[in-house]
Amino acid sequence: MRWSIVAGHRTAADPVAGIGEALPKHNGGKKHFRSLPHADVGEALAKIRASQAWPATRLCLELLVLTATRPSEARLALRPEFDGENRVWVIPQSRTKTNKPHRVPLSGAALTVLDEASKRNPT
């Protein structure tokens, strides 16, 4: 409204001036998921492996845990992003929060998950 007054589209006073004080306050803070204590990670992974979820879902969850990445980064990962020889996963900037490529080191367990995923979907 202030812009429209300054631009000459409106000549009267701002009709919504002061409305902010009348509206309830909005926290706007994000709610985060609770983290799993490190000592419980092994048990959680065992439950994931033993679950009746689709194999791709189980492997994706395991990769997510082993690499501490965001769900969308793991879910949308493509085979060319993984360099098993150098044990690194380069997530392209288009899928990162910082809009910069992100290099994720791959543990032996993460490489095992990727090998299993490749066996299930060799293309």
PDB file of N, CA and C in Angstrom:
ATOM      1  N   MET A   1       0.816  -1.183   0.000  1.00  0.00           N
ATOM      2  CA  MET A   1       0.000   0.000   0.000  1.00  0.00           C
ATOM      3  C   MET A   1       0.863   1.252   0.000  1.00  0.00           C
ATOM      4  N   ARG A   2       1.938   1.204   0.787  1.00  0.00           N
ATOM      5  CA  ARG A   2       2.799   2.386   0.813  1.00  0.00           C
ATOM      6  C   ARG A   2       3.389   2.651  -0.563  1.00  0.00           C
ATOM      7  N   TRP A   3       3.775   1.589  -1.252  1.00  0.00           N
ATOM      8  CA  TRP A   3       4.328   1.741  -2.600  1.00  0.00           C
ATOM      9  C   TRP A   3       3.299   2.378  -3.526  1.00  0.00           C
ATOM     10  N   SER A   4       2.044   1.918  -3.448  1.00  0.00           N
ATOM     11  CA  SER A   4       1.013   2.476  -4.335  1.00  0.00           C
ATOM     12  C   SER A   4       0.746   3.950  -4.025  1.00  0.00           C
ATOM     13  N   ILE A   5       0.870   4.359  -2.770  1.00  0.00           N
ATOM     14  CA  ILE A   5       0.707   5.773  -2.416  1.00  0.00           C
ATOM     15  C   ILE A   5       1.856   6.580  -3.003  1.00  0.00           C
ATOM     16  N   VAL A   6       3.101   6.093  -2.815  1.00  0.00           N
ATOM     17  CA  VAL A   6       4.276   6.799  -3.338  1.00  0.00           C
ATOM     18  C   VAL A   6       4.235   6.861  -4.862  1.00  0.00           C
ATOM     19  N   ALA A   7       3.759   5.770  -5.511  1.00  0.00           N
ATOM     20  CA  ALA A   7       3.713   5.732  -6.973  1.00  0.00           C
ATOM     21  C   ALA A   7       2.545   6.525  -7.544  1.00  0.00           C
ATOM     22  N   GLY A   8       1.684   7.061  -6.686  1.00  0.00           N
ATOM     23  CA  GLY A   8       0.573   7.869  -7.148  1.00  0.00           C
ATOM     24  C   GLY A   8      -0.660   7.084  -7.546  1.00  0.00           C
ATOM     25  N   HIS A   9      -0.698   5.809  -7.242  1.00  0.00           N
ATOM     26  CA  HIS A   9      -1.870   5.001  -7.570  1.00  0.00           C
ATOM     27  C   HIS A   9      -2.966   5.135  -6.511  1.00  0.00           C
ATOM     28  N   ARG A  10      -2.600   5.620  -5.359  1.00  0.00           N
ATOM     29  CA  ARG A  10      -3.559   5.794  -4.268  1.00  0.00           C
ATOM     30  C   ARG A  10      -3.240   7.131  -3.608  1.00  0.00           C
ATOM     31  N   THR A  11      -4.275   7.905  -3.328  1.00  0.00           N
ATOM     32  CA  THR A  11      -4.046   9.231  -2.758  1.00  0.00           C
ATOM     33  C   THR A  11      -4.360   9.284  -1.274  1.00  0.00           C
ATOM     34  N   ALA A  12      -5.178   8.381  -0.784  1.00  0.00           N
ATOM     35  CA  ALA A  12      -5.563   8.403   0.625  1.00  0.00           C
ATOM     36  C   ALA A  12      -4.471   7.764   1.482  1.00  0.00           C
ATOM     37  N   ALA A  13      -4.667   7.865   2.762  1.00  0.00           N
ATOM     38  CA  ALA A  13      -3.729   7.263   3.702  1.00  0.00           C
ATOM     39  C   ALA A  13      -3.765   5.733   3.568  1.00  0.00           C
ATOM     40  N   ASP A  14      -2.755   5.114   4.066  1.00  0.00           N
ATOM     41  CA  ASP A  14      -2.633   3.655   4.014  1.00  0.00           C
ATOM     42  C   ASP A  14      -3.746   3.022   4.856  1.00  0.00           C
ATOM     43  N   PRO A  15      -4.697   2.291   4.226  1.00  0.00           N
ATOM     44  CA  PRO A  15      -5.817   1.721   4.979  1.00  0.00           C
ATOM     45  C   PRO A  15      -5.419   0.552   5.875  1.00  0.00           C
ATOM     46  N   VAL A  16      -4.249  -0.014   5.679  1.00  0.00           N
ATOM     47  CA  VAL A  16      -3.852  -1.148   6.510  1.00  0.00           C
ATOM     48  C   VAL A  16      -2.762  -0.780   7.512  1.00  0.00           C
ATOM     49  N   ALA A  17      -2.476   0.500   7.650  1.00  0.00           N
ATOM     50  CA  ALA A  17      -1.474   0.931   8.624  1.00  0.00           C
ATOM     51  C   ALA A  17      -1.906   0.480  10.018  1.00  0.00           C
ATOM     52  N   GLY A  18      -0.995  -0.081  10.754  1.00  0.00           N
ATOM     53  CA  GLY A  18      -1.287  -0.521  12.118  1.00  0.00           C
ATOM     54  C   GLY A  18      -1.904  -1.899  12.220  1.00  0.00           C
ATOM     55  N   ILE A  19      -2.188  -2.539  11.096  1.00  0.00           N
ATOM     56  CA  ILE A  19      -2.830  -3.855  11.165  1.00  0.00           C
ATOM     57  C   ILE A  19      -1.931  -4.890  11.829  1.00  0.00           C
ATOM     58  N   GLY A  20      -0.605  -4.707  11.678  1.00  0.00           N
ATOM     59  CA  GLY A  20       0.343  -5.653  12.269  1.00  0.00           C
ATOM     60  C   GLY A  20       0.194  -5.775  13.772  1.00  0.00           C
ATOM     61  N   GLU A  21      -0.164  -4.681  14.419  1.00  0.00           N
ATOM     62  CA  GLU A  21      -0.338  -4.731  15.873  1.00  0.00           C
ATOM     63  C   GLU A  21      -1.620  -5.463  16.263  1.00  0.00           C
ATOM     64  N   ALA A  22      -2.596  -5.502  15.368  1.00  0.00           N
ATOM     65  CA  ALA A  22      -3.871  -6.142  15.680  1.00  0.00           C
ATOM     66  C   ALA A  22      -3.842  -7.650  15.432  1.00  0.00           C
ATOM     67  N   LEU A  23      -2.952  -8.107  14.553  1.00  0.00           N
ATOM     68  CA  LEU A  23      -2.892  -9.533  14.226  1.00  0.00           C
ATOM     69  C   LEU A  23      -2.085 -10.300  15.259  1.00  0.00           C
ATOM     70  N   PRO A  24      -2.413 -11.583  15.445  1.00  0.00           N
ATOM     71  CA  PRO A  24      -1.638 -12.375  16.407  1.00  0.00           C
ATOM     72  C   PRO A  24      -0.208 -12.574  15.896  1.00  0.00           C
ATOM     73  N   LYS A  25       0.712 -12.710  16.824  1.00  0.00           N
ATOM     74  CA  LYS A  25       2.113 -12.921  16.468  1.00  0.00           C
ATOM     75  C   LYS A  25       2.278 -14.337  15.921  1.00  0.00           C
ATOM     76  N   HIS A  26       3.067 -14.447  14.878  1.00  0.00           N
ATOM     77  CA  HIS A  26       3.356 -15.745  14.267  1.00  0.00           C
ATOM     78  C   HIS A  26       4.816 -16.060  14.523  1.00  0.00           C
ATOM     79  N   ASN A  27       5.061 -17.198  15.164  1.00  0.00           N
ATOM     80  CA  ASN A  27       6.420 -17.584  15.505  1.00  0.00           C
ATOM     81  C   ASN A  27       7.269 -17.762  14.250  1.00  0.00           C
ATOM     82  N   GLY A  28       6.761 -18.475  13.255  1.00  0.00           N
ATOM     83  CA  GLY A  28       7.484 -18.656  12.006  1.00  0.00           C
ATOM     84  C   GLY A  28       8.683 -19.575  12.095  1.00  0.00           C
ATOM     85  N   GLY A  29       9.009 -20.057  13.283  1.00  0.00           N
ATOM     86  CA  GLY A  29      10.153 -20.948  13.431  1.00  0.00           C
ATOM     87  C   GLY A  29       9.857 -22.331  12.867  1.00  0.00           C
ATOM     88  N   LYS A  30      10.891 -22.974  12.365  1.00  0.00           N
ATOM     89  CA  LYS A  30      10.719 -24.311  11.819  1.00  0.00           C
ATOM     90  C   LYS A  30      10.771 -25.330  12.947  1.00  0.00           C
ATOM     91  N   LYS A  31      10.007 -26.374  12.779  1.00  0.00           N
ATOM     92  CA  LYS A  31      10.062 -27.474  13.732  1.00  0.00           C
ATOM     93  C   LYS A  31      10.979 -28.534  13.146  1.00  0.00           C
ATOM     94  N   HIS A  32      11.946 -28.962  13.922  1.00  0.00           N
ATOM     95  CA  HIS A  32      12.920 -29.938  13.466  1.00  0.00           C
ATOM     96  C   HIS A  32      12.593 -31.314  14.033  1.00  0.00           C
ATOM     97  N   PHE A  33      12.975 -32.324  13.293  1.00  0.00           N
ATOM     98  CA  PHE A  33      12.807 -33.682  13.784  1.00  0.00           C
ATOM     99  C   PHE A  33      13.815 -33.924  14.905  1.00  0.00           C
ATOM    100  N   ARG A  34      13.408 -34.732  15.848  1.00  0.00           N
ATOM    101  CA  ARG A  34      14.346 -35.104  16.907  1.00  0.00           C
ATOM    102  C   ARG A  34      15.448 -35.958  16.291  1.00  0.00           C
ATOM    103  N   SER A  35      16.635 -35.862  16.821  1.00  0.00           N
ATOM    104  CA  SER A  35      17.729 -36.688  16.324  1.00  0.00           C
ATOM    105  C   SER A  35      17.767 -37.992  17.109  1.00  0.00           C
ATOM    106  N   LEU A  36      18.363 -38.969  16.483  1.00  0.00           N
ATOM    107  CA  LEU A  36      18.499 -40.282  17.105  1.00  0.00           C
ATOM    108  C   LEU A  36      19.845 -40.335  17.815  1.00  0.00           C
ATOM    109  N   PRO A  37      19.876 -40.732  19.066  1.00  0.00           N
ATOM    110  CA  PRO A  37      21.179 -40.846  19.745  1.00  0.00           C
ATOM    111  C   PRO A  37      22.087 -41.803  18.977  1.00  0.00           C
ATOM    112  N   HIS A  38      23.354 -41.459  18.902  1.00  0.00           N
ATOM    113  CA  HIS A  38      24.322 -42.241  18.137  1.00  0.00           C
ATOM    114  C   HIS A  38      24.307 -43.716  18.527  1.00  0.00           C
ATOM    115  N   ALA A  39      24.147 -43.993  19.800  1.00  0.00           N
ATOM    116  CA  ALA A  39      24.151 -45.382  20.277  1.00  0.00           C
ATOM    117  C   ALA A  39      22.987 -46.192  19.718  1.00  0.00           C
ATOM    118  N   ASP A  40      21.930 -45.534  19.258  1.00  0.00           N
ATOM    119  CA  ASP A  40      20.748 -46.230  18.753  1.00  0.00           C
ATOM    120  C   ASP A  40      20.718 -46.371  17.232  1.00  0.00           C
ATOM    121  N   VAL A  41      21.715 -45.847  16.542  1.00  0.00           N
ATOM    122  CA  VAL A  41      21.709 -45.864  15.074  1.00  0.00           C
ATOM    123  C   VAL A  41      21.770 -47.291  14.539  1.00  0.00           C
ATOM    124  N   GLY A  42      22.619 -48.125  15.105  1.00  0.00           N
ATOM    125  CA  GLY A  42      22.736 -49.514  14.643  1.00  0.00           C
ATOM    126  C   GLY A  42      21.416 -50.262  14.730  1.00  0.00           C
ATOM    127  N   GLU A  43      20.720 -50.098  15.829  1.00  0.00           N
ATOM    128  CA  GLU A  43      19.413 -50.745  16.002  1.00  0.00           C
ATOM    129  C   GLU A  43      18.401 -50.211  14.993  1.00  0.00           C
ATOM    130  N   ALA A  44      18.442 -48.907  14.742  1.00  0.00           N
ATOM    131  CA  ALA A  44      17.521 -48.307  13.767  1.00  0.00           C
ATOM    132  C   ALA A  44      17.795 -48.849  12.367  1.00  0.00           C
ATOM    133  N   LEU A  45      19.070 -48.972  12.005  1.00  0.00           N
ATOM    134  CA  LEU A  45      19.410 -49.528  10.698  1.00  0.00           C
ATOM    135  C   LEU A  45      18.963 -50.985  10.580  1.00  0.00           C
ATOM    136  N   ALA A  46      19.096 -51.739  11.655  1.00  0.00           N
ATOM    137  CA  ALA A  46      18.636 -53.141  11.642  1.00  0.00           C
ATOM    138  C   ALA A  46      17.124 -53.206  11.426  1.00  0.00           C
ATOM    139  N   LYS A  47      16.393 -52.300  12.040  1.00  0.00           N
ATOM    140  CA  LYS A  47      14.939 -52.266  11.851  1.00  0.00           C
ATOM    141  C   LYS A  47      14.581 -51.886  10.417  1.00  0.00           C
ATOM    142  N   ILE A  48      15.335 -50.943   9.853  1.00  0.00           N
ATOM    143  CA  ILE A  48      15.093 -50.559   8.455  1.00  0.00           C
ATOM    144  C   ILE A  48      15.328 -51.757   7.542  1.00  0.00           C
ATOM    145  N   ARG A  49      16.457 -52.466   7.746  1.00  0.00           N
ATOM    146  CA  ARG A  49      16.790 -53.626   6.910  1.00  0.00           C
ATOM    147  C   ARG A  49      15.745 -54.734   7.036  1.00  0.00           C
ATOM    148  N   ALA A  50      15.177 -54.898   8.223  1.00  0.00           N
ATOM    149  CA  ALA A  50      14.215 -55.980   8.464  1.00  0.00           C
ATOM    150  C   ALA A  50      12.781 -55.589   8.105  1.00  0.00           C
ATOM    151  N   SER A  51      12.570 -54.345   7.752  1.00  0.00           N
ATOM    152  CA  SER A  51      11.207 -53.885   7.481  1.00  0.00           C
ATOM    153  C   SER A  51      10.655 -54.484   6.191  1.00  0.00           C
ATOM    154  N   GLN A  52       9.368 -54.341   6.003  1.00  0.00           N
ATOM    155  CA  GLN A  52       8.697 -54.825   4.797  1.00  0.00           C
ATOM    156  C   GLN A  52       8.613 -53.745   3.723  1.00  0.00           C
ATOM    157  N   ALA A  53       9.337 -52.653   3.902  1.00  0.00           N
ATOM    158  CA  ALA A  53       9.336 -51.567   2.909  1.00  0.00           C
ATOM    159  C   ALA A  53       9.976 -52.064   1.616  1.00  0.00           C
ATOM    160  N   TRP A  54       9.681 -51.386   0.535  1.00  0.00           N
ATOM    161  CA  TRP A  54      10.298 -51.737  -0.748  1.00  0.00           C
ATOM    162  C   TRP A  54      11.805 -51.689  -0.606  1.00  0.00           C
ATOM    163  N   PRO A  55      12.514 -52.566  -1.307  1.00  0.00           N
ATOM    164  CA  PRO A  55      13.977 -52.573  -1.209  1.00  0.00           C
ATOM    165  C   PRO A  55      14.605 -51.211  -1.522  1.00  0.00           C
ATOM    166  N   ALA A  56      14.110 -50.509  -2.517  1.00  0.00           N
ATOM    167  CA  ALA A  56      14.669 -49.195  -2.856  1.00  0.00           C
ATOM    168  C   ALA A  56      14.483 -48.214  -1.706  1.00  0.00           C
ATOM    169  N   THR A  57      13.363 -48.301  -1.020  1.00  0.00           N
ATOM    170  CA  THR A  57      13.098 -47.422   0.120  1.00  0.00           C
ATOM    171  C   THR A  57      14.059 -47.727   1.251  1.00  0.00           C
ATOM    172  N   ARG A  58      14.251 -49.015   1.540  1.00  0.00           N
ATOM    173  CA  ARG A  58      15.177 -49.403   2.608  1.00  0.00           C
ATOM    174  C   ARG A  58      16.599 -48.931   2.293  1.00  0.00           C
ATOM    175  N   LEU A  59      17.039 -49.151   1.047  1.00  0.00           N
ATOM    176  CA  LEU A  59      18.392 -48.749   0.669  1.00  0.00           C
ATOM    177  C   LEU A  59      18.560 -47.235   0.729  1.00  0.00           C
ATOM    178  N   CYS A  60      17.556 -46.505   0.302  1.00  0.00           N
ATOM    179  CA  CYS A  60      17.624 -45.042   0.340  1.00  0.00           C
ATOM    180  C   CYS A  60      17.707 -44.541   1.784  1.00  0.00           C
ATOM    181  N   LEU A  61      16.903 -45.115   2.673  1.00  0.00           N
ATOM    182  CA  LEU A  61      16.953 -44.720   4.083  1.00  0.00           C
ATOM    183  C   LEU A  61      18.316 -45.026   4.692  1.00  0.00           C
ATOM    184  N   GLU A  62      18.855 -46.183   4.340  1.00  0.00           N
ATOM    185  CA  GLU A  62      20.166 -46.537   4.870  1.00  0.00           C
ATOM    186  C   GLU A  62      21.237 -45.577   4.357  1.00  0.00           C
ATOM    187  N   LEU A  63      21.192 -45.242   3.070  1.00  0.00           N
ATOM    188  CA  LEU A  63      22.138 -44.281   2.515  1.00  0.00           C
ATOM    189  C   LEU A  63      21.992 -42.925   3.207  1.00  0.00           C
ATOM    190  N   LEU A  64      20.776 -42.526   3.447  1.00  0.00           N
ATOM    191  CA  LEU A  64      20.500 -41.256   4.130  1.00  0.00           C
ATOM    192  C   LEU A  64      21.161 -41.227   5.504  1.00  0.00           C
ATOM    193  N   VAL A  65      21.013 -42.306   6.249  1.00  0.00           N
ATOM    194  CA  VAL A  65      21.602 -42.384   7.591  1.00  0.00           C
ATOM    195  C   VAL A  65      23.127 -42.402   7.509  1.00  0.00           C
ATOM    196  N   LEU A  66      23.669 -43.196   6.597  1.00  0.00           N
ATOM    197  CA  LEU A  66      25.119 -43.359   6.511  1.00  0.00           C
ATOM    198  C   LEU A  66      25.849 -42.124   5.984  1.00  0.00           C
ATOM    199  N   THR A  67      25.143 -41.270   5.267  1.00  0.00           N
ATOM    200  CA  THR A  67      25.784 -40.078   4.706  1.00  0.00           C
ATOM    201  C   THR A  67      25.337 -38.781   5.367  1.00  0.00           C
ATOM    202  N   ALA A  68      24.358 -38.850   6.243  1.00  0.00           N
ATOM    203  CA  ALA A  68      23.834 -37.664   6.942  1.00  0.00           C
ATOM    204  C   ALA A  68      23.437 -36.575   5.946  1.00  0.00           C
ATOM    205  N   THR A  69      22.755 -36.983   4.887  1.00  0.00           N
ATOM    206  CA  THR A  69      22.298 -36.026   3.886  1.00  0.00           C
ATOM    207  C   THR A  69      20.813 -35.759   4.063  1.00  0.00           C
ATOM    208  N   ARG A  70      20.292 -34.850   3.286  1.00  0.00           N
ATOM    209  CA  ARG A  70      18.866 -34.514   3.323  1.00  0.00           C
ATOM    210  C   ARG A  70      18.079 -35.569   2.545  1.00  0.00           C
ATOM    211  N   PRO A  71      16.836 -35.792   2.934  1.00  0.00           N
ATOM    212  CA  PRO A  71      16.038 -36.804   2.239  1.00  0.00           C
ATOM    213  C   PRO A  71      15.969 -36.601   0.728  1.00  0.00           C
ATOM    214  N   SER A  72      15.774 -35.384   0.274  1.00  0.00           N
ATOM    215  CA  SER A  72      15.659 -35.173  -1.172  1.00  0.00           C
ATOM    216  C   SER A  72      16.993 -35.420  -1.873  1.00  0.00           C
ATOM    217  N   GLU A  73      18.105 -35.152  -1.191  1.00  0.00           N
ATOM    218  CA  GLU A  73      19.403 -35.402  -1.801  1.00  0.00           C
ATOM    219  C   GLU A  73      19.605 -36.891  -2.040  1.00  0.00           C
ATOM    220  N   ALA A  74      19.203 -37.713  -1.087  1.00  0.00           N
ATOM    221  CA  ALA A  74      19.343 -39.164  -1.237  1.00  0.00           C
ATOM    222  C   ALA A  74      18.304 -39.710  -2.220  1.00  0.00           C
ATOM    223  N   ARG A  75      17.084 -39.258  -2.102  1.00  0.00           N
ATOM    224  CA  ARG A  75      15.996 -39.779  -2.936  1.00  0.00           C
ATOM    225  C   ARG A  75      16.196 -39.465  -4.416  1.00  0.00           C
ATOM    226  N   LEU A  76      16.766 -38.320  -4.714  1.00  0.00           N
ATOM    227  CA  LEU A  76      16.942 -37.887  -6.108  1.00  0.00           C
ATOM    228  C   LEU A  76      18.342 -38.158  -6.646  1.00  0.00           C
ATOM    229  N   ALA A  77      19.150 -38.893  -5.892  1.00  0.00           N
ATOM    230  CA  ALA A  77      20.527 -39.160  -6.310  1.00  0.00           C
ATOM    231  C   ALA A  77      20.559 -39.950  -7.614  1.00  0.00           C
ATOM    232  N   LEU A  78      21.554 -39.635  -8.428  1.00  0.00           N
ATOM    233  CA  LEU A  78      21.759 -40.321  -9.703  1.00  0.00           C
ATOM    234  C   LEU A  78      23.120 -41.012  -9.688  1.00  0.00           C
ATOM    235  N   ARG A  79      23.204 -42.143 -10.351  1.00  0.00           N
ATOM    236  CA  ARG A  79      24.427 -42.946 -10.348  1.00  0.00           C
ATOM    237  C   ARG A  79      25.686 -42.154 -10.712  1.00  0.00           C
ATOM    238  N   PRO A  80      25.667 -41.268 -11.723  1.00  0.00           N
ATOM    239  CA  PRO A  80      26.908 -40.550 -12.064  1.00  0.00           C
ATOM    240  C   PRO A  80      27.446 -39.629 -10.952  1.00  0.00           C
ATOM    241  N   GLU A  81      26.641 -39.344  -9.942  1.00  0.00           N
ATOM    242  CA  GLU A  81      27.099 -38.486  -8.848  1.00  0.00           C
ATOM    243  C   GLU A  81      28.069 -39.209  -7.912  1.00  0.00           C
ATOM    244  N   PHE A  82      28.077 -40.529  -7.969  1.00  0.00           N
ATOM    245  CA  PHE A  82      28.873 -41.332  -7.044  1.00  0.00           C
ATOM    246  C   PHE A  82      30.191 -41.750  -7.683  1.00  0.00           C
ATOM    247  N   ASP A  83      31.268 -41.507  -6.974  1.00  0.00           N
ATOM    248  CA  ASP A  83      32.594 -41.925  -7.409  1.00  0.00           C
ATOM    249  C   ASP A  83      33.114 -42.907  -6.367  1.00  0.00           C
ATOM    250  N   GLY A  84      32.858 -44.191  -6.616  1.00  0.00           N
ATOM    251  CA  GLY A  84      33.263 -45.224  -5.662  1.00  0.00           C
ATOM    252  C   GLY A  84      34.764 -45.334  -5.512  1.00  0.00           C
ATOM    253  N   GLU A  85      35.503 -45.089  -6.603  1.00  0.00           N
ATOM    254  CA  GLU A  85      36.960 -45.188  -6.561  1.00  0.00           C
ATOM    255  C   GLU A  85      37.552 -44.179  -5.576  1.00  0.00           C
ATOM    256  N   ASN A  86      37.026 -42.965  -5.600  1.00  0.00           N
ATOM    257  CA  ASN A  86      37.494 -41.919  -4.680  1.00  0.00           C
ATOM    258  C   ASN A  86      36.636 -41.801  -3.426  1.00  0.00           C
ATOM    259  N   ARG A  87      35.645 -42.682  -3.330  1.00  0.00           N
ATOM    260  CA  ARG A  87      34.767 -42.744  -2.155  1.00  0.00           C
ATOM    261  C   ARG A  87      34.120 -41.397  -1.841  1.00  0.00           C
ATOM    262  N   VAL A  88      33.525 -40.794  -2.872  1.00  0.00           N
ATOM    263  CA  VAL A  88      32.878 -39.502  -2.678  1.00  0.00           C
ATOM    264  C   VAL A  88      31.600 -39.431  -3.510  1.00  0.00           C
ATOM    265  N   TRP A  89      30.642 -38.717  -2.979  1.00  0.00           N
ATOM    266  CA  TRP A  89      29.384 -38.433  -3.656  1.00  0.00           C
ATOM    267  C   TRP A  89      29.325 -36.926  -3.832  1.00  0.00           C
ATOM    268  N   VAL A  90      29.242 -36.464  -5.066  1.00  0.00           N
ATOM    269  CA  VAL A  90      29.148 -35.029  -5.319  1.00  0.00           C
ATOM    270  C   VAL A  90      27.699 -34.707  -5.672  1.00  0.00           C
ATOM    271  N   ILE A  91      27.032 -34.034  -4.744  1.00  0.00           N
ATOM    272  CA  ILE A  91      25.640 -33.629  -4.949  1.00  0.00           C
ATOM    273  C   ILE A  91      25.669 -32.301  -5.707  1.00  0.00           C
ATOM    274  N   PRO A  92      24.995 -32.228  -6.867  1.00  0.00           N
ATOM    275  CA  PRO A  92      25.057 -30.994  -7.649  1.00  0.00           C
ATOM    276  C   PRO A  92      24.372 -29.826  -6.933  1.00  0.00           C
ATOM    277  N   GLN A  93      24.819 -28.623  -7.271  1.00  0.00           N
ATOM    278  CA  GLN A  93      24.310 -27.426  -6.599  1.00  0.00           C
ATOM    279  C   GLN A  93      22.809 -27.264  -6.738  1.00  0.00           C
ATOM    280  N   SER A  94      22.227 -27.802  -7.793  1.00  0.00           N
ATOM    281  CA  SER A  94      20.781 -27.649  -8.001  1.00  0.00           C
ATOM    282  C   SER A  94      19.963 -28.360  -6.931  1.00  0.00           C
ATOM    283  N   ARG A  95      20.587 -29.287  -6.177  1.00  0.00           N
ATOM    284  CA  ARG A  95      19.850 -30.025  -5.153  1.00  0.00           C
ATOM    285  C   ARG A  95      20.344 -29.754  -3.736  1.00  0.00           C
ATOM    286  N   THR A  96      21.162 -28.731  -3.558  1.00  0.00           N
ATOM    287  CA  THR A  96      21.654 -28.443  -2.217  1.00  0.00           C
ATOM    288  C   THR A  96      21.022 -27.167  -1.672  1.00  0.00           C
ATOM    289  N   LYS A  97      20.963 -27.097  -0.381  1.00  0.00           N
ATOM    290  CA  LYS A  97      20.380 -25.930   0.290  1.00  0.00           C
ATOM    291  C   LYS A  97      21.229 -24.680   0.060  1.00  0.00           C
ATOM    292  N   THR A  98      22.540 -24.872  -0.047  1.00  0.00           N
ATOM    293  CA  THR A  98      23.455 -23.736  -0.207  1.00  0.00           C
ATOM    294  C   THR A  98      23.643 -23.327  -1.661  1.00  0.00           C
ATOM    295  N   ASN A  99      23.069 -24.088  -2.570  1.00  0.00           N
ATOM    296  CA  ASN A  99      23.200 -23.845  -4.006  1.00  0.00           C
ATOM    297  C   ASN A  99      24.665 -23.929  -4.453  1.00  0.00           C
ATOM    298  N   LYS A 100      25.427 -24.803  -3.781  1.00  0.00           N
ATOM    299  CA  LYS A 100      26.811 -25.100  -4.137  1.00  0.00           C
ATOM    300  C   LYS A 100      26.959 -26.615  -4.189  1.00  0.00           C
ATOM    301  N   PRO A 101      27.822 -27.138  -5.056  1.00  0.00           N
ATOM    302  CA  PRO A 101      28.051 -28.589  -5.046  1.00  0.00           C
ATOM    303  C   PRO A 101      28.513 -29.028  -3.665  1.00  0.00           C
ATOM    304  N   HIS A 102      28.073 -30.196  -3.246  1.00  0.00           N
ATOM    305  CA  HIS A 102      28.395 -30.693  -1.910  1.00  0.00           C
ATOM    306  C   HIS A 102      29.066 -32.057  -2.039  1.00  0.00           C
ATOM    307  N   ARG A 103      30.269 -32.167  -1.501  1.00  0.00           N
ATOM    308  CA  ARG A 103      31.020 -33.419  -1.545  1.00  0.00           C
ATOM    309  C   ARG A 103      30.782 -34.180  -0.249  1.00  0.00           C
ATOM    310  N   VAL A 104      30.298 -35.421  -0.390  1.00  0.00           N
ATOM    311  CA  VAL A 104      29.987 -36.252   0.761  1.00  0.00           C
ATOM    312  C   VAL A 104      30.905 -37.474   0.736  1.00  0.00           C
ATOM    313  N   PRO A 105      31.717 -37.660   1.778  1.00  0.00           N
ATOM    314  CA  PRO A 105      32.570 -38.851   1.807  1.00  0.00           C
ATOM    315  C   PRO A 105      31.707 -40.109   1.971  1.00  0.00           C
ATOM    316  N   LEU A 106      32.119 -41.194   1.315  1.00  0.00           N
ATOM    317  CA  LEU A 106      31.362 -42.440   1.365  1.00  0.00           C
ATOM    318  C   LEU A 106      32.125 -43.477   2.184  1.00  0.00           C
ATOM    319  N   SER A 107      31.466 -43.975   3.212  1.00  0.00           N
ATOM    320  CA  SER A 107      32.048 -45.027   4.038  1.00  0.00           C
ATOM    321  C   SER A 107      31.935 -46.363   3.303  1.00  0.00           C
ATOM    322  N   GLY A 108      32.593 -47.371   3.821  1.00  0.00           N
ATOM    323  CA  GLY A 108      32.468 -48.707   3.246  1.00  0.00           C
ATOM    324  C   GLY A 108      31.027 -49.186   3.269  1.00  0.00           C
ATOM    325  N   ALA A 109      30.322 -48.892   4.352  1.00  0.00           N
ATOM    326  CA  ALA A 109      28.916 -49.298   4.454  1.00  0.00           C
ATOM    327  C   ALA A 109      28.064 -48.588   3.403  1.00  0.00           C
ATOM    328  N   ALA A 110      28.339 -47.315   3.154  1.00  0.00           N
ATOM    329  CA  ALA A 110      27.581 -46.577   2.132  1.00  0.00           C
ATOM    330  C   ALA A 110      27.864 -47.155   0.747  1.00  0.00           C
ATOM    331  N   LEU A 111      29.117 -47.516   0.488  1.00  0.00           N
ATOM    332  CA  LEU A 111      29.452 -48.138  -0.799  1.00  0.00           C
ATOM    333  C   LEU A 111      28.756 -49.475  -0.963  1.00  0.00           C
ATOM    334  N   THR A 112      28.611 -50.230   0.128  1.00  0.00           N
ATOM    335  CA  THR A 112      27.889 -51.510   0.087  1.00  0.00           C
ATOM    336  C   THR A 112      26.428 -51.281  -0.277  1.00  0.00           C
ATOM    337  N   VAL A 113      25.816 -50.250   0.297  1.00  0.00           N
ATOM    338  CA  VAL A 113      24.427 -49.911  -0.025  1.00  0.00           C
ATOM    339  C   VAL A 113      24.308 -49.561  -1.511  1.00  0.00           C
ATOM    340  N   LEU A 114      25.246 -48.782  -2.017  1.00  0.00           N
ATOM    341  CA  LEU A 114      25.216 -48.394  -3.428  1.00  0.00           C
ATOM    342  C   LEU A 114      25.414 -49.605  -4.338  1.00  0.00           C
ATOM    343  N   ASP A 115      26.286 -50.530  -3.943  1.00  0.00           N
ATOM    344  CA  ASP A 115      26.473 -51.758  -4.728  1.00  0.00           C
ATOM    345  C   ASP A 115      25.185 -52.566  -4.772  1.00  0.00           C
ATOM    346  N   GLU A 116      24.509 -52.676  -3.636  1.00  0.00           N
ATOM    347  CA  GLU A 116      23.245 -53.408  -3.580  1.00  0.00           C
ATOM    348  C   GLU A 116      22.195 -52.740  -4.449  1.00  0.00           C
ATOM    349  N   ALA A 117      22.146 -51.422  -4.417  1.00  0.00           N
ATOM    350  CA  ALA A 117      21.187 -50.702  -5.252  1.00  0.00           C
ATOM    351  C   ALA A 117      21.493 -50.937  -6.734  1.00  0.00           C
ATOM    352  N   SER A 118      22.771 -50.975  -7.094  1.00  0.00           N
ATOM    353  CA  SER A 118      23.153 -51.218  -8.492  1.00  0.00           C
ATOM    354  C   SER A 118      22.761 -52.620  -8.942  1.00  0.00           C
ATOM    355  N   LYS A 119      22.854 -53.592  -8.059  1.00  0.00           N
ATOM    356  CA  LYS A 119      22.450 -54.963  -8.398  1.00  0.00           C
ATOM    357  C   LYS A 119      20.955 -55.036  -8.651  1.00  0.00           C
ATOM    358  N   ARG A 120      20.197 -54.276  -7.900  1.00  0.00           N
ATOM    359  CA  ARG A 120      18.734 -54.306  -8.056  1.00  0.00           C
ATOM    360  C   ARG A 120      18.270 -53.523  -9.267  1.00  0.00           C
ATOM    361  N   ASN A 121      19.044 -52.518  -9.655  1.00  0.00           N
ATOM    362  CA  ASN A 121      18.679 -51.694 -10.816  1.00  0.00           C
ATOM    363  C   ASN A 121      19.953 -51.402 -11.606  1.00  0.00           C
ATOM    364  N   PRO A 122      20.365 -52.329 -12.469  1.00  0.00           N
ATOM    365  CA  PRO A 122      21.650 -52.167 -13.162  1.00  0.00           C
ATOM    366  C   PRO A 122      21.679 -51.080 -14.230  1.00  0.00           C
ATOM    367  N   THR A 123      20.548 -50.492 -14.577  1.00  0.00           N
ATOM    368  CA  THR A 123      20.548 -49.461 -15.626  1.00  0.00           C
ATOM    369  C   THR A 123      20.837 -48.100 -15.079  1.00  0.00           C
TER     370      THR A 123
END
